[in-house]
């Protein structure tokens, strides 16, 4: 993504720019409805086979890419078939819920409106958001908790890709981390200039996901304060305290933090 932006954005059109402008405009203005069943959420499905589960870092990268891809998909744009469902969610208090699936469950989840992304053999699907009281029964029966994945050591991140740094101190489950990675990719896509966001889209919103330990985390927080990175601050509904910074997204081409 560090090659000439002009060379890779010749296909950038008004439709993509409109979707990006909507994403860049922020979210959450309308708050939650009085009826809990009408609370809006994006369901995310993580493919975690029992016999051969994927690496945690790859699965989180797939979840992040799927969330960004859905938020900039033509079907959520003006006059798109998913536009109203997407906007009802984006303009309320953002929530994502990650569920796990395997076998026939995973095949059924891919029949529900959404976007699937595969990264290094790991697969995740971001579904078109909607009210929690009207979740498709094929998705509602999928477990939210339970299976977790061991932390892996994927090596240095690709310098050409954004890096999502997960706050290892919080000890988030893979489902919670996937939802937070999805938040991070969505925020980063909106924060990038439209030309860079489009260039990222041409790479399928691929990103690297890495754990950040106590030595690296302060430097990443400094980048956020300097406007050089994007932070996800959790509302505290599950697992972590309200206001916790869960993931910090560093744009493509950024230097790797030291330590």
C-alpha atoms as a PDB file:
ATOM      1  CA  UNK A   1       0.000   0.000   0.000  1.00  0.00           C
ATOM      2  CA  UNK A   2       2.991   2.323   0.005  1.00  0.00           C
ATOM      3  CA  UNK A   3       3.328   2.303  -3.791  1.00  0.00           C
ATOM      4  CA  UNK A   4       2.004   5.278  -5.723  1.00  0.00           C
ATOM      5  CA  UNK A   5      -1.544   5.933  -4.556  1.00  0.00           C
ATOM      6  CA  UNK A   6      -2.328   7.442  -7.968  1.00  0.00           C
ATOM      7  CA  UNK A   7      -1.434   4.144  -9.627  1.00  0.00           C
ATOM      8  CA  UNK A   8      -3.822   2.079  -7.539  1.00  0.00           C
ATOM      9  CA  UNK A   9      -6.781   4.437  -7.173  1.00  0.00           C
ATOM     10  CA  UNK A  10      -7.692   5.030 -10.791  1.00  0.00           C
ATOM     11  CA  UNK A  11     -10.810   2.945 -10.225  1.00  0.00           C
ATOM     12  CA  UNK A  12     -11.922   5.071  -7.258  1.00  0.00           C
ATOM     13  CA  UNK A  13     -15.421   6.291  -8.038  1.00  0.00           C
ATOM     14  CA  UNK A  14     -18.107   8.427  -6.447  1.00  0.00           C
ATOM     15  CA  UNK A  15     -19.907   5.381  -5.053  1.00  0.00           C
ATOM     16  CA  UNK A  16     -16.890   4.243  -3.023  1.00  0.00           C
ATOM     17  CA  UNK A  17     -16.265   7.822  -1.932  1.00  0.00           C
ATOM     18  CA  UNK A  18     -19.857   8.086  -0.683  1.00  0.00           C
ATOM     19  CA  UNK A  19     -19.555   4.881   1.336  1.00  0.00           C
ATOM     20  CA  UNK A  20     -16.259   6.042   2.781  1.00  0.00           C
ATOM     21  CA  UNK A  21     -17.703   9.458   3.666  1.00  0.00           C
ATOM     22  CA  UNK A  22     -20.493   7.755   5.589  1.00  0.00           C
ATOM     23  CA  UNK A  23     -17.997   5.604   7.474  1.00  0.00           C
ATOM     24  CA  UNK A  24     -15.694   8.549   8.140  1.00  0.00           C
ATOM     25  CA  UNK A  25     -18.609  10.560   9.515  1.00  0.00           C
ATOM     26  CA  UNK A  26     -18.595   8.617  12.762  1.00  0.00           C
ATOM     27  CA  UNK A  27     -21.359   6.691  14.459  1.00  0.00           C
ATOM     28  CA  UNK A  28     -23.405   6.324  17.609  1.00  0.00           C
ATOM     29  CA  UNK A  29     -25.402   9.516  17.501  1.00  0.00           C
ATOM     30  CA  UNK A  30     -28.823   8.036  18.206  1.00  0.00           C
ATOM     31  CA  UNK A  31     -27.925   5.839  21.203  1.00  0.00           C
ATOM     32  CA  UNK A  32     -29.884   2.746  22.209  1.00  0.00           C
ATOM     33  CA  UNK A  33     -33.639   2.246  21.756  1.00  0.00           C
ATOM     34  CA  UNK A  34     -35.879   1.766  24.793  1.00  0.00           C
ATOM     35  CA  UNK A  35     -36.733  -1.774  23.694  1.00  0.00           C
ATOM     36  CA  UNK A  36     -33.668  -4.041  24.244  1.00  0.00           C
ATOM     37  CA  UNK A  37     -34.796  -6.276  21.370  1.00  0.00           C
ATOM     38  CA  UNK A  38     -34.233  -3.375  18.982  1.00  0.00           C
ATOM     39  CA  UNK A  39     -30.592  -2.844  19.971  1.00  0.00           C
ATOM     40  CA  UNK A  40     -28.502  -3.021  16.797  1.00  0.00           C
ATOM     41  CA  UNK A  41     -25.498  -5.348  16.457  1.00  0.00           C
ATOM     42  CA  UNK A  42     -23.244  -6.806  13.802  1.00  0.00           C
ATOM     43  CA  UNK A  43     -22.942 -10.550  14.262  1.00  0.00           C
ATOM     44  CA  UNK A  44     -19.559 -11.989  13.340  1.00  0.00           C
ATOM     45  CA  UNK A  45     -19.004 -15.702  12.813  1.00  0.00           C
ATOM     46  CA  UNK A  46     -15.576 -17.251  13.363  1.00  0.00           C
ATOM     47  CA  UNK A  47     -14.826 -20.566  11.680  1.00  0.00           C
ATOM     48  CA  UNK A  48     -13.113 -22.654  14.363  1.00  0.00           C
ATOM     49  CA  UNK A  49     -13.002 -26.322  13.326  1.00  0.00           C
ATOM     50  CA  UNK A  50     -12.525 -28.731  16.208  1.00  0.00           C
ATOM     51  CA  UNK A  51      -9.858 -30.869  14.569  1.00  0.00           C
ATOM     52  CA  UNK A  52      -7.647 -28.208  13.014  1.00  0.00           C
ATOM     53  CA  UNK A  53      -8.344 -24.715  14.410  1.00  0.00           C
ATOM     54  CA  UNK A  54      -6.681 -21.737  12.729  1.00  0.00           C
ATOM     55  CA  UNK A  55      -3.962 -19.583  14.289  1.00  0.00           C
ATOM     56  CA  UNK A  56      -5.451 -16.945  16.551  1.00  0.00           C
ATOM     57  CA  UNK A  57      -3.683 -14.038  14.817  1.00  0.00           C
ATOM     58  CA  UNK A  58      -4.906 -15.110  11.375  1.00  0.00           C
ATOM     59  CA  UNK A  59      -8.486 -15.529  12.604  1.00  0.00           C
ATOM     60  CA  UNK A  60      -8.470 -12.057  14.149  1.00  0.00           C
ATOM     61  CA  UNK A  61      -7.067 -10.632  10.905  1.00  0.00           C
ATOM     62  CA  UNK A  62      -9.857 -12.328   8.955  1.00  0.00           C
ATOM     63  CA  UNK A  63     -12.477 -10.907  11.330  1.00  0.00           C
ATOM     64  CA  UNK A  64     -11.000  -7.423  11.029  1.00  0.00           C
ATOM     65  CA  UNK A  65     -10.913  -7.577   7.228  1.00  0.00           C
ATOM     66  CA  UNK A  66     -14.479  -8.886   7.042  1.00  0.00           C
ATOM     67  CA  UNK A  67     -15.811  -6.040   9.180  1.00  0.00           C
ATOM     68  CA  UNK A  68     -14.097  -3.368   7.098  1.00  0.00           C
ATOM     69  CA  UNK A  69     -15.146  -5.046   3.864  1.00  0.00           C
ATOM     70  CA  UNK A  70     -18.797  -5.080   4.888  1.00  0.00           C
ATOM     71  CA  UNK A  71     -18.724  -1.414   5.928  1.00  0.00           C
ATOM     72  CA  UNK A  72     -17.464  -0.426   2.461  1.00  0.00           C
ATOM     73  CA  UNK A  73     -19.354  -3.009   0.415  1.00  0.00           C
ATOM     74  CA  UNK A  74     -21.396  -1.568  -2.474  1.00  0.00           C
ATOM     75  CA  UNK A  75     -24.530  -3.122  -0.974  1.00  0.00           C
ATOM     76  CA  UNK A  76     -24.386  -0.831   2.088  1.00  0.00           C
ATOM     77  CA  UNK A  77     -24.026   2.280  -0.066  1.00  0.00           C
ATOM     78  CA  UNK A  78     -26.717   4.597  -1.426  1.00  0.00           C
ATOM     79  CA  UNK A  79     -29.635   2.551  -2.806  1.00  0.00           C
ATOM     80  CA  UNK A  80     -27.854  -0.702  -1.922  1.00  0.00           C
ATOM     81  CA  UNK A  81     -29.864  -3.680  -0.725  1.00  0.00           C
ATOM     82  CA  UNK A  82     -28.220  -3.563   2.721  1.00  0.00           C
ATOM     83  CA  UNK A  83     -28.156   0.222   3.105  1.00  0.00           C
ATOM     84  CA  UNK A  84     -30.990   0.702   5.583  1.00  0.00           C
ATOM     85  CA  UNK A  85     -29.940  -2.178   7.841  1.00  0.00           C
ATOM     86  CA  UNK A  86     -26.364  -0.946   7.853  1.00  0.00           C
ATOM     87  CA  UNK A  87     -27.257   2.679   8.572  1.00  0.00           C
ATOM     88  CA  UNK A  88     -29.648   1.739  11.389  1.00  0.00           C
ATOM     89  CA  UNK A  89     -26.695   0.032  13.081  1.00  0.00           C
ATOM     90  CA  UNK A  90     -23.966   2.521  12.235  1.00  0.00           C
ATOM     91  CA  UNK A  91     -25.988   5.487  13.422  1.00  0.00           C
ATOM     92  CA  UNK A  92     -26.775   3.873  16.763  1.00  0.00           C
ATOM     93  CA  UNK A  93     -24.378   2.627  19.440  1.00  0.00           C
ATOM     94  CA  UNK A  94     -22.011   0.264  17.637  1.00  0.00           C
ATOM     95  CA  UNK A  95     -21.966  -3.326  18.822  1.00  0.00           C
ATOM     96  CA  UNK A  96     -20.357  -6.443  17.387  1.00  0.00           C
ATOM     97  CA  UNK A  97     -20.931  -9.967  18.682  1.00  0.00           C
ATOM     98  CA  UNK A  98     -18.578 -12.783  17.651  1.00  0.00           C
ATOM     99  CA  UNK A  99     -19.832 -16.365  17.558  1.00  0.00           C
ATOM    100  CA  UNK A 100     -18.053 -19.587  16.674  1.00  0.00           C
ATOM    101  CA  UNK A 101     -19.092 -22.163  14.098  1.00  0.00           C
ATOM    102  CA  UNK A 102     -17.814 -25.371  12.535  1.00  0.00           C
ATOM    103  CA  UNK A 103     -18.990 -27.870   9.944  1.00  0.00           C
ATOM    104  CA  UNK A 104     -22.610 -27.478   8.917  1.00  0.00           C
ATOM    105  CA  UNK A 105     -22.975 -24.455  11.202  1.00  0.00           C
ATOM    106  CA  UNK A 106     -20.333 -22.612   9.224  1.00  0.00           C
ATOM    107  CA  UNK A 107     -21.926 -23.531   5.903  1.00  0.00           C
ATOM    108  CA  UNK A 108     -25.302 -22.290   7.167  1.00  0.00           C
ATOM    109  CA  UNK A 109     -23.786 -19.025   8.392  1.00  0.00           C
ATOM    110  CA  UNK A 110     -22.514 -18.352   4.885  1.00  0.00           C
ATOM    111  CA  UNK A 111     -26.103 -18.398   3.649  1.00  0.00           C
ATOM    112  CA  UNK A 112     -26.914 -15.342   5.789  1.00  0.00           C
ATOM    113  CA  UNK A 113     -26.272 -11.900   4.272  1.00  0.00           C
ATOM    114  CA  UNK A 114     -22.700 -10.842   4.911  1.00  0.00           C
ATOM    115  CA  UNK A 115     -19.071 -10.936   3.792  1.00  0.00           C
ATOM    116  CA  UNK A 116     -16.594 -13.769   4.361  1.00  0.00           C
ATOM    117  CA  UNK A 117     -12.831 -13.245   4.374  1.00  0.00           C
ATOM    118  CA  UNK A 118     -10.072 -15.862   4.507  1.00  0.00           C
ATOM    119  CA  UNK A 119      -6.589 -15.041   5.789  1.00  0.00           C
ATOM    120  CA  UNK A 120      -3.929 -17.740   5.773  1.00  0.00           C
ATOM    121  CA  UNK A 121      -6.560 -20.459   6.027  1.00  0.00           C
ATOM    122  CA  UNK A 122      -8.570 -18.721   8.768  1.00  0.00           C
ATOM    123  CA  UNK A 123     -12.121 -17.672   7.905  1.00  0.00           C
ATOM    124  CA  UNK A 124     -14.508 -15.154   9.428  1.00  0.00           C
ATOM    125  CA  UNK A 125     -17.819 -13.747   8.259  1.00  0.00           C
ATOM    126  CA  UNK A 126     -19.268 -10.328   9.116  1.00  0.00           C
ATOM    127  CA  UNK A 127     -23.043 -10.336   8.829  1.00  0.00           C
ATOM    128  CA  UNK A 128     -25.260  -7.431   7.869  1.00  0.00           C
ATOM    129  CA  UNK A 129     -26.244  -5.767  11.161  1.00  0.00           C
ATOM    130  CA  UNK A 130     -29.729  -5.834  12.604  1.00  0.00           C
ATOM    131  CA  UNK A 131     -31.728  -5.830  15.843  1.00  0.00           C
ATOM    132  CA  UNK A 132     -30.660  -8.424  18.404  1.00  0.00           C
ATOM    133  CA  UNK A 133     -34.269  -9.517  18.764  1.00  0.00           C
ATOM    134  CA  UNK A 134     -34.406 -10.592  15.119  1.00  0.00           C
ATOM    135  CA  UNK A 135     -31.195 -12.566  14.693  1.00  0.00           C
ATOM    136  CA  UNK A 136     -31.440 -15.268  12.041  1.00  0.00           C
ATOM    137  CA  UNK A 137     -32.048 -18.581  13.852  1.00  0.00           C
ATOM    138  CA  UNK A 138     -29.049 -20.121  12.073  1.00  0.00           C
ATOM    139  CA  UNK A 139     -26.896 -17.520  13.829  1.00  0.00           C
ATOM    140  CA  UNK A 140     -28.720 -17.245  17.137  1.00  0.00           C
ATOM    141  CA  UNK A 141     -27.938 -20.861  18.031  1.00  0.00           C
ATOM    142  CA  UNK A 142     -24.183 -20.384  17.594  1.00  0.00           C
ATOM    143  CA  UNK A 143     -22.232 -20.119  20.824  1.00  0.00           C
ATOM    144  CA  UNK A 144     -20.679 -16.791  21.789  1.00  0.00           C
ATOM    145  CA  UNK A 145     -18.254 -18.175  24.371  1.00  0.00           C
ATOM    146  CA  UNK A 146     -16.551 -21.489  24.920  1.00  0.00           C
ATOM    147  CA  UNK A 147     -13.774 -22.269  22.479  1.00  0.00           C
ATOM    148  CA  UNK A 148     -10.675 -20.113  22.705  1.00  0.00           C
ATOM    149  CA  UNK A 149      -7.384 -20.241  20.820  1.00  0.00           C
ATOM    150  CA  UNK A 150      -3.836 -20.151  22.105  1.00  0.00           C
ATOM    151  CA  UNK A 151      -1.794 -17.053  21.401  1.00  0.00           C
ATOM    152  CA  UNK A 152       0.575 -17.701  18.512  1.00  0.00           C
ATOM    153  CA  UNK A 153       3.832 -16.148  17.317  1.00  0.00           C
ATOM    154  CA  UNK A 154       3.260 -15.141  13.665  1.00  0.00           C
ATOM    155  CA  UNK A 155       6.488 -13.179  13.304  1.00  0.00           C
ATOM    156  CA  UNK A 156       7.032  -9.554  12.219  1.00  0.00           C
ATOM    157  CA  UNK A 157       4.024  -7.853  10.627  1.00  0.00           C
ATOM    158  CA  UNK A 158       3.963  -7.019   6.923  1.00  0.00           C
ATOM    159  CA  UNK A 159       5.174  -3.392   6.634  1.00  0.00           C
ATOM    160  CA  UNK A 160       2.810  -2.858   3.694  1.00  0.00           C
ATOM    161  CA  UNK A 161      -0.287  -3.610   5.781  1.00  0.00           C
ATOM    162  CA  UNK A 162      -2.017  -1.889   8.683  1.00  0.00           C
ATOM    163  CA  UNK A 163      -1.198  -3.469  12.040  1.00  0.00           C
ATOM    164  CA  UNK A 164      -3.834  -3.983  14.713  1.00  0.00           C
ATOM    165  CA  UNK A 165      -2.119  -4.222  18.098  1.00  0.00           C
ATOM    166  CA  UNK A 166      -4.178  -6.066  20.723  1.00  0.00           C
ATOM    167  CA  UNK A 167      -3.764  -5.065  24.358  1.00  0.00           C
ATOM    168  CA  UNK A 168      -2.456  -8.327  25.799  1.00  0.00           C
ATOM    169  CA  UNK A 169      -2.872  -7.090  29.386  1.00  0.00           C
ATOM    170  CA  UNK A 170      -6.646  -7.393  29.073  1.00  0.00           C
ATOM    171  CA  UNK A 171      -6.582 -11.144  28.390  1.00  0.00           C
ATOM    172  CA  UNK A 172      -9.512 -10.995  25.977  1.00  0.00           C
ATOM    173  CA  UNK A 173     -11.047 -14.188  24.630  1.00  0.00           C
ATOM    174  CA  UNK A 174     -10.763 -14.796  20.896  1.00  0.00           C
ATOM    175  CA  UNK A 175     -14.406 -13.768  20.430  1.00  0.00           C
ATOM    176  CA  UNK A 176     -13.984 -10.486  22.293  1.00  0.00           C
ATOM    177  CA  UNK A 177     -10.695  -9.784  20.508  1.00  0.00           C
ATOM    178  CA  UNK A 178     -12.342 -10.488  17.130  1.00  0.00           C
ATOM    179  CA  UNK A 179     -15.108  -7.982  17.821  1.00  0.00           C
ATOM    180  CA  UNK A 180     -12.547  -5.392  18.919  1.00  0.00           C
ATOM    181  CA  UNK A 181     -10.382  -6.042  15.851  1.00  0.00           C
ATOM    182  CA  UNK A 182     -13.502  -5.489  13.762  1.00  0.00           C
ATOM    183  CA  UNK A 183     -14.051  -2.161  15.498  1.00  0.00           C
ATOM    184  CA  UNK A 184     -10.419  -1.216  14.854  1.00  0.00           C
ATOM    185  CA  UNK A 185     -10.495  -1.972  11.123  1.00  0.00           C
ATOM    186  CA  UNK A 186     -13.752  -0.067  10.735  1.00  0.00           C
ATOM    187  CA  UNK A 187     -12.372   2.974  12.573  1.00  0.00           C
ATOM    188  CA  UNK A 188      -9.113   2.853  10.637  1.00  0.00           C
ATOM    189  CA  UNK A 189     -10.860   2.591   7.271  1.00  0.00           C
ATOM    190  CA  UNK A 190     -12.888   5.681   8.112  1.00  0.00           C
ATOM    191  CA  UNK A 191      -9.851   7.585   9.411  1.00  0.00           C
ATOM    192  CA  UNK A 192      -7.744   6.968   6.301  1.00  0.00           C
ATOM    193  CA  UNK A 193      -7.965   9.403   3.392  1.00  0.00           C
ATOM    194  CA  UNK A 194     -10.354   8.003   0.818  1.00  0.00           C
ATOM    195  CA  UNK A 195      -7.545   7.243  -1.646  1.00  0.00           C
ATOM    196  CA  UNK A 196      -5.713   5.149   0.948  1.00  0.00           C
ATOM    197  CA  UNK A 197      -8.919   3.421   2.022  1.00  0.00           C
ATOM    198  CA  UNK A 198      -9.590   2.496  -1.588  1.00  0.00           C
ATOM    199  CA  UNK A 199      -6.053   1.194  -2.028  1.00  0.00           C
ATOM    200  CA  UNK A 200      -6.580  -0.914   1.105  1.00  0.00           C
ATOM    201  CA  UNK A 201      -9.827  -2.260  -0.346  1.00  0.00           C
ATOM    202  CA  UNK A 202      -7.926  -3.508  -3.387  1.00  0.00           C
ATOM    203  CA  UNK A 203      -5.933  -5.705  -1.010  1.00  0.00           C
ATOM    204  CA  UNK A 204      -9.076  -7.082   0.572  1.00  0.00           C
ATOM    205  CA  UNK A 205      -8.571  -5.033   3.741  1.00  0.00           C
ATOM    206  CA  UNK A 206      -5.783  -7.382   4.751  1.00  0.00           C
ATOM    207  CA  UNK A 207      -4.047  -6.454   7.971  1.00  0.00           C
ATOM    208  CA  UNK A 208      -1.661  -7.916  10.502  1.00  0.00           C
ATOM    209  CA  UNK A 209      -2.848  -8.573  14.050  1.00  0.00           C
ATOM    210  CA  UNK A 210      -0.270  -8.765  16.814  1.00  0.00           C
ATOM    211  CA  UNK A 211      -0.281  -8.794  20.612  1.00  0.00           C
ATOM    212  CA  UNK A 212       1.213  -5.748  22.330  1.00  0.00           C
ATOM    213  CA  UNK A 213       2.819  -6.348  25.692  1.00  0.00           C
ATOM    214  CA  UNK A 214       3.470  -3.869  28.523  1.00  0.00           C
ATOM    215  CA  UNK A 215       6.679  -2.495  26.992  1.00  0.00           C
ATOM    216  CA  UNK A 216       5.160  -1.824  23.565  1.00  0.00           C
ATOM    217  CA  UNK A 217       1.751  -0.552  24.679  1.00  0.00           C
ATOM    218  CA  UNK A 218       2.821   2.888  26.038  1.00  0.00           C
ATOM    219  CA  UNK A 219       4.503   3.757  22.733  1.00  0.00           C
ATOM    220  CA  UNK A 220       1.360   2.799  20.850  1.00  0.00           C
ATOM    221  CA  UNK A 221      -0.716   5.002  23.171  1.00  0.00           C
ATOM    222  CA  UNK A 222       1.687   7.860  22.417  1.00  0.00           C
ATOM    223  CA  UNK A 223       0.974   7.363  18.710  1.00  0.00           C
ATOM    224  CA  UNK A 224      -2.750   7.680  19.393  1.00  0.00           C
ATOM    225  CA  UNK A 225      -2.201  10.948  21.266  1.00  0.00           C
ATOM    226  CA  UNK A 226      -0.099  12.204  18.338  1.00  0.00           C
ATOM    227  CA  UNK A 227      -2.839  11.319  15.838  1.00  0.00           C
ATOM    228  CA  UNK A 228      -0.675   8.637  14.207  1.00  0.00           C
ATOM    229  CA  UNK A 229      -2.826   5.655  15.217  1.00  0.00           C
ATOM    230  CA  UNK A 230      -6.468   4.841  15.954  1.00  0.00           C
ATOM    231  CA  UNK A 231      -7.633   3.416  19.286  1.00  0.00           C
ATOM    232  CA  UNK A 232     -10.681   1.347  20.176  1.00  0.00           C
ATOM    233  CA  UNK A 233     -12.134   2.262  23.571  1.00  0.00           C
ATOM    234  CA  UNK A 234     -14.543  -0.371  24.793  1.00  0.00           C
ATOM    235  CA  UNK A 235     -17.947   0.452  26.246  1.00  0.00           C
ATOM    236  CA  UNK A 236     -17.431  -2.208  28.896  1.00  0.00           C
ATOM    237  CA  UNK A 237     -20.463  -4.407  28.216  1.00  0.00           C
ATOM    238  CA  UNK A 238     -18.386  -7.615  28.400  1.00  0.00           C
ATOM    239  CA  UNK A 239     -14.994  -8.766  29.720  1.00  0.00           C
ATOM    240  CA  UNK A 240     -13.212  -5.433  30.126  1.00  0.00           C
ATOM    241  CA  UNK A 241     -13.769  -2.241  32.101  1.00  0.00           C
ATOM    242  CA  UNK A 242     -15.530   0.675  30.390  1.00  0.00           C
ATOM    243  CA  UNK A 243     -13.090   2.952  28.588  1.00  0.00           C
ATOM    244  CA  UNK A 244     -10.393   0.305  28.217  1.00  0.00           C
ATOM    245  CA  UNK A 245      -8.285   0.665  25.080  1.00  0.00           C
ATOM    246  CA  UNK A 246      -8.491  -2.786  23.530  1.00  0.00           C
ATOM    247  CA  UNK A 247      -6.843  -2.423  20.109  1.00  0.00           C
ATOM    248  CA  UNK A 248      -4.673   0.231  18.475  1.00  0.00           C
ATOM    249  CA  UNK A 249      -4.579   0.328  14.675  1.00  0.00           C
ATOM    250  CA  UNK A 250      -1.411   1.656  13.035  1.00  0.00           C
ATOM    251  CA  UNK A 251      -1.882   2.729   9.391  1.00  0.00           C
ATOM    252  CA  UNK A 252       0.008   0.993   6.594  1.00  0.00           C
ATOM    253  CA  UNK A 253       3.610   1.977   6.172  1.00  0.00           C
ATOM    254  CA  UNK A 254       3.970   2.991   9.830  1.00  0.00           C
ATOM    255  CA  UNK A 255       7.183   2.046  11.546  1.00  0.00           C
ATOM    256  CA  UNK A 256       6.942  -0.878  13.941  1.00  0.00           C
ATOM    257  CA  UNK A 257       6.975   0.165  17.605  1.00  0.00           C
ATOM    258  CA  UNK A 258      10.122  -0.700  19.480  1.00  0.00           C
ATOM    259  CA  UNK A 259      10.316  -2.898  22.553  1.00  0.00           C
END
